[in-house]
């Protein structure tokens, strides 16, 4: 009976920690190397249109490879298909 902690996610996280479904969603700024400027860049590119795939994320958001790796290692892409084709065909 504790508080659920949700990992950072490119489509669900804000810059800082937020309340979500009675738990806490870890913010993108908790990922080492993602300062306020990069977080705002990601959130600005996401806007009201979630990323449909990791490939789309990489096309819409220009980031160094190291930052994309850190996002991946933090679990920020979990549940997001690698590309649109994989999403369509499972």
N, C-alpha and C. Protein backbone atom coordinates (compact mmCIF):
# COMPACT_ATOMS: atom_id res chain seq x y z
N UNK A 1 0.84 -1.18 0.00
CA UNK A 1 0.00 0.00 0.00
C UNK A 1 0.89 1.25 0.00
N UNK A 2 1.59 1.44 -1.08
CA UNK A 2 2.45 2.60 -1.19
C UNK A 2 2.04 3.46 -2.36
N UNK A 3 2.85 4.41 -2.64
CA UNK A 3 2.62 5.30 -3.77
C UNK A 3 3.33 4.72 -4.98
N UNK A 4 2.60 4.61 -6.08
CA UNK A 4 3.17 4.09 -7.32
C UNK A 4 4.10 5.15 -7.93
N UNK A 5 5.28 4.73 -8.35
CA UNK A 5 6.24 5.61 -9.03
C UNK A 5 6.31 5.16 -10.48
N UNK A 6 5.97 6.08 -11.40
CA UNK A 6 6.00 5.79 -12.83
C UNK A 6 7.29 6.34 -13.42
N UNK A 7 7.94 5.58 -14.28
CA UNK A 7 9.23 6.03 -14.85
C UNK A 7 9.04 7.20 -15.80
N UNK A 8 10.13 7.88 -16.12
CA UNK A 8 10.03 8.96 -17.10
C UNK A 8 9.60 8.38 -18.45
N UNK A 9 8.83 9.14 -19.19
CA UNK A 9 8.32 8.67 -20.48
C UNK A 9 8.17 9.85 -21.43
N UNK A 10 8.57 9.64 -22.69
CA UNK A 10 8.56 10.74 -23.65
C UNK A 10 7.16 11.27 -23.93
N UNK A 11 6.12 10.45 -23.72
CA UNK A 11 4.76 10.92 -23.98
C UNK A 11 3.97 11.26 -22.73
N UNK A 12 4.50 10.95 -21.56
CA UNK A 12 3.73 11.16 -20.33
C UNK A 12 4.39 12.13 -19.36
N UNK A 13 5.70 12.23 -19.39
CA UNK A 13 6.41 13.05 -18.40
C UNK A 13 6.42 14.53 -18.79
N UNK A 14 6.43 15.35 -17.77
CA UNK A 14 6.71 16.77 -17.92
C UNK A 14 8.17 16.97 -17.54
N UNK A 15 8.56 18.20 -17.37
CA UNK A 15 9.95 18.46 -16.99
C UNK A 15 10.23 17.95 -15.58
N UNK A 16 9.30 18.20 -14.67
CA UNK A 16 9.50 17.83 -13.27
C UNK A 16 8.54 16.70 -12.88
N UNK A 17 8.68 16.21 -11.67
CA UNK A 17 7.79 15.18 -11.14
C UNK A 17 6.36 15.71 -11.12
N UNK A 18 5.38 14.83 -11.46
CA UNK A 18 3.98 15.23 -11.45
C UNK A 18 3.13 14.11 -10.85
N UNK A 19 1.97 14.48 -10.34
CA UNK A 19 1.02 13.50 -9.84
C UNK A 19 0.30 12.84 -11.02
N UNK A 20 0.12 11.51 -10.93
CA UNK A 20 -0.54 10.77 -12.01
C UNK A 20 -1.21 9.53 -11.44
N UNK A 21 -2.51 9.41 -11.61
CA UNK A 21 -3.27 8.23 -11.16
C UNK A 21 -2.95 7.83 -9.72
N UNK A 22 -2.88 8.79 -8.83
CA UNK A 22 -2.60 8.50 -7.44
C UNK A 22 -1.15 8.19 -7.15
N UNK A 23 -0.30 8.30 -8.15
CA UNK A 23 1.13 8.06 -7.98
C UNK A 23 1.94 9.26 -8.44
N UNK A 24 3.20 9.03 -8.70
CA UNK A 24 4.11 10.10 -9.12
C UNK A 24 4.81 9.69 -10.41
N UNK A 25 4.75 10.57 -11.41
CA UNK A 25 5.47 10.34 -12.68
C UNK A 25 6.79 11.08 -12.60
N UNK A 26 7.88 10.36 -12.83
CA UNK A 26 9.21 10.96 -12.81
C UNK A 26 9.33 11.90 -14.01
N UNK A 27 9.86 13.08 -13.78
CA UNK A 27 10.04 14.06 -14.84
C UNK A 27 11.28 13.79 -15.68
N UNK A 28 11.28 14.33 -16.88
CA UNK A 28 12.42 14.16 -17.78
C UNK A 28 13.70 14.75 -17.20
N UNK A 29 13.57 15.79 -16.38
CA UNK A 29 14.76 16.43 -15.81
C UNK A 29 15.50 15.52 -14.83
N UNK A 30 14.87 14.42 -14.41
CA UNK A 30 15.53 13.48 -13.50
C UNK A 30 16.56 12.62 -14.23
N UNK A 31 16.52 12.63 -15.56
CA UNK A 31 17.48 11.85 -16.35
C UNK A 31 18.77 12.64 -16.46
N UNK A 32 19.86 12.02 -16.08
CA UNK A 32 21.16 12.68 -16.10
C UNK A 32 21.46 13.24 -17.49
N UNK A 33 21.79 14.51 -17.56
CA UNK A 33 22.13 15.15 -18.82
C UNK A 33 20.99 15.93 -19.45
N UNK A 34 19.77 15.73 -18.95
CA UNK A 34 18.63 16.47 -19.49
C UNK A 34 18.34 17.66 -18.60
N UNK A 35 18.90 18.78 -18.94
CA UNK A 35 18.65 20.00 -18.20
C UNK A 35 17.35 20.64 -18.67
N UNK A 36 17.02 21.79 -18.10
CA UNK A 36 15.77 22.48 -18.45
C UNK A 36 15.64 22.79 -19.94
N UNK A 37 16.74 23.16 -20.57
CA UNK A 37 16.69 23.52 -21.99
C UNK A 37 16.29 22.32 -22.86
N UNK A 38 16.91 21.15 -22.64
CA UNK A 38 16.57 19.96 -23.42
C UNK A 38 15.16 19.46 -23.11
N UNK A 39 14.76 19.54 -21.84
CA UNK A 39 13.41 19.12 -21.47
C UNK A 39 12.37 19.98 -22.18
N UNK A 40 12.57 21.28 -22.18
CA UNK A 40 11.64 22.19 -22.85
C UNK A 40 11.63 21.94 -24.36
N UNK A 41 12.79 21.60 -24.91
CA UNK A 41 12.87 21.29 -26.34
C UNK A 41 12.02 20.05 -26.66
N UNK A 42 12.16 18.99 -25.88
CA UNK A 42 11.38 17.77 -26.09
C UNK A 42 9.90 18.05 -25.92
N UNK A 43 9.54 18.73 -24.84
CA UNK A 43 8.12 19.00 -24.57
C UNK A 43 7.52 19.90 -25.63
N UNK A 44 8.30 20.86 -26.13
CA UNK A 44 7.82 21.73 -27.19
C UNK A 44 7.55 20.97 -28.47
N UNK A 45 8.42 20.03 -28.81
CA UNK A 45 8.23 19.22 -30.02
C UNK A 45 7.07 18.24 -29.85
N UNK A 46 6.86 17.77 -28.62
CA UNK A 46 5.73 16.87 -28.37
C UNK A 46 4.42 17.62 -28.47
N UNK A 47 4.36 18.79 -27.84
CA UNK A 47 3.14 19.60 -27.87
C UNK A 47 1.92 18.77 -27.49
N UNK A 48 0.88 18.86 -28.30
CA UNK A 48 -0.34 18.10 -28.08
C UNK A 48 -0.38 16.81 -28.90
N UNK A 49 0.73 16.49 -29.55
CA UNK A 49 0.79 15.34 -30.45
C UNK A 49 1.84 14.36 -29.94
N UNK A 50 1.43 13.29 -29.24
CA UNK A 50 2.40 12.33 -28.71
C UNK A 50 3.24 11.71 -29.83
N UNK A 51 4.40 11.24 -29.47
CA UNK A 51 5.28 10.56 -30.42
C UNK A 51 4.72 9.16 -30.67
N UNK A 52 4.54 8.79 -31.94
CA UNK A 52 3.95 7.50 -32.27
C UNK A 52 5.00 6.39 -32.37
N UNK A 53 6.27 6.77 -32.45
CA UNK A 53 7.34 5.78 -32.52
C UNK A 53 8.66 6.45 -32.12
N UNK A 54 9.65 5.62 -31.85
CA UNK A 54 10.97 6.15 -31.52
C UNK A 54 11.56 6.84 -32.75
N UNK A 55 11.30 6.27 -33.90
CA UNK A 55 11.79 6.89 -35.15
C UNK A 55 11.19 8.28 -35.33
N UNK A 56 9.90 8.41 -35.08
CA UNK A 56 9.27 9.72 -35.19
C UNK A 56 9.86 10.70 -34.17
N UNK A 57 10.10 10.21 -32.96
CA UNK A 57 10.73 11.04 -31.94
C UNK A 57 12.06 11.59 -32.45
N UNK A 58 12.88 10.72 -33.01
CA UNK A 58 14.20 11.12 -33.50
C UNK A 58 14.11 12.09 -34.67
N UNK A 59 13.06 11.98 -35.47
CA UNK A 59 12.88 12.92 -36.59
C UNK A 59 12.42 14.28 -36.09
N UNK A 60 11.54 14.30 -35.10
CA UNK A 60 10.97 15.56 -34.62
C UNK A 60 11.87 16.28 -33.62
N UNK A 61 12.66 15.52 -32.87
CA UNK A 61 13.49 16.10 -31.81
C UNK A 61 14.96 15.85 -32.15
N UNK A 62 15.70 16.92 -32.32
CA UNK A 62 17.12 16.79 -32.61
C UNK A 62 17.90 16.80 -31.30
N UNK A 63 18.48 15.65 -30.96
CA UNK A 63 19.24 15.50 -29.72
C UNK A 63 20.51 14.73 -30.01
N UNK A 64 21.55 14.95 -29.20
CA UNK A 64 22.76 14.13 -29.33
C UNK A 64 22.44 12.66 -29.05
N UNK A 65 23.17 11.76 -29.68
CA UNK A 65 22.95 10.32 -29.49
C UNK A 65 23.05 9.92 -28.03
N UNK A 66 23.96 10.55 -27.30
CA UNK A 66 24.14 10.22 -25.89
C UNK A 66 22.86 10.49 -25.09
N UNK A 67 22.17 11.56 -25.40
CA UNK A 67 20.93 11.89 -24.69
C UNK A 67 19.84 10.89 -25.05
N UNK A 68 19.76 10.49 -26.32
CA UNK A 68 18.77 9.48 -26.73
C UNK A 68 19.07 8.16 -26.01
N UNK A 69 20.33 7.81 -25.89
CA UNK A 69 20.71 6.61 -25.15
C UNK A 69 20.29 6.71 -23.68
N UNK A 70 20.50 7.86 -23.08
CA UNK A 70 20.11 8.04 -21.67
C UNK A 70 18.60 7.93 -21.50
N UNK A 71 17.84 8.50 -22.45
CA UNK A 71 16.38 8.36 -22.41
C UNK A 71 16.00 6.88 -22.48
N UNK A 72 16.65 6.15 -23.36
CA UNK A 72 16.35 4.73 -23.52
C UNK A 72 16.69 3.95 -22.25
N UNK A 73 17.86 4.19 -21.69
CA UNK A 73 18.27 3.49 -20.48
C UNK A 73 17.38 3.80 -19.29
N UNK A 74 16.77 5.00 -19.29
CA UNK A 74 15.87 5.38 -18.20
C UNK A 74 14.47 4.80 -18.40
N UNK A 75 14.23 4.16 -19.56
CA UNK A 75 12.91 3.58 -19.82
C UNK A 75 11.92 4.54 -20.43
N UNK A 76 12.39 5.68 -20.92
CA UNK A 76 11.49 6.71 -21.44
C UNK A 76 10.81 6.32 -22.75
N UNK A 77 11.27 5.25 -23.40
CA UNK A 77 10.66 4.81 -24.65
C UNK A 77 9.82 3.54 -24.48
N UNK A 78 9.69 3.03 -23.25
CA UNK A 78 8.95 1.79 -23.04
C UNK A 78 7.52 1.91 -23.55
N UNK A 79 7.11 0.91 -24.34
CA UNK A 79 5.75 0.91 -24.89
C UNK A 79 5.61 1.70 -26.17
N UNK A 80 6.68 2.37 -26.59
CA UNK A 80 6.65 3.14 -27.84
C UNK A 80 7.30 2.27 -28.92
N UNK A 81 6.59 2.00 -30.03
CA UNK A 81 7.17 1.16 -31.07
C UNK A 81 8.44 1.78 -31.66
N UNK A 82 9.30 0.93 -32.18
CA UNK A 82 10.53 1.41 -32.81
C UNK A 82 10.22 2.28 -34.02
N UNK A 83 9.29 1.83 -34.85
CA UNK A 83 8.87 2.63 -36.00
C UNK A 83 7.40 2.40 -36.27
N UNK A 84 6.85 3.18 -37.20
CA UNK A 84 5.43 3.11 -37.49
C UNK A 84 5.03 1.75 -38.07
N UNK A 85 5.91 1.13 -38.84
CA UNK A 85 5.61 -0.17 -39.43
C UNK A 85 5.42 -1.22 -38.35
N UNK A 86 6.30 -1.24 -37.37
CA UNK A 86 6.20 -2.21 -36.28
C UNK A 86 4.90 -1.99 -35.52
N UNK A 87 4.48 -0.74 -35.35
CA UNK A 87 3.24 -0.43 -34.66
C UNK A 87 2.05 -0.99 -35.44
N UNK A 88 2.08 -0.86 -36.76
CA UNK A 88 0.97 -1.30 -37.59
C UNK A 88 0.86 -2.83 -37.63
N UNK A 89 1.99 -3.52 -37.61
CA UNK A 89 1.97 -4.98 -37.78
C UNK A 89 2.30 -5.75 -36.53
N UNK A 90 2.56 -5.02 -35.42
CA UNK A 90 2.82 -5.71 -34.15
C UNK A 90 4.17 -6.30 -34.14
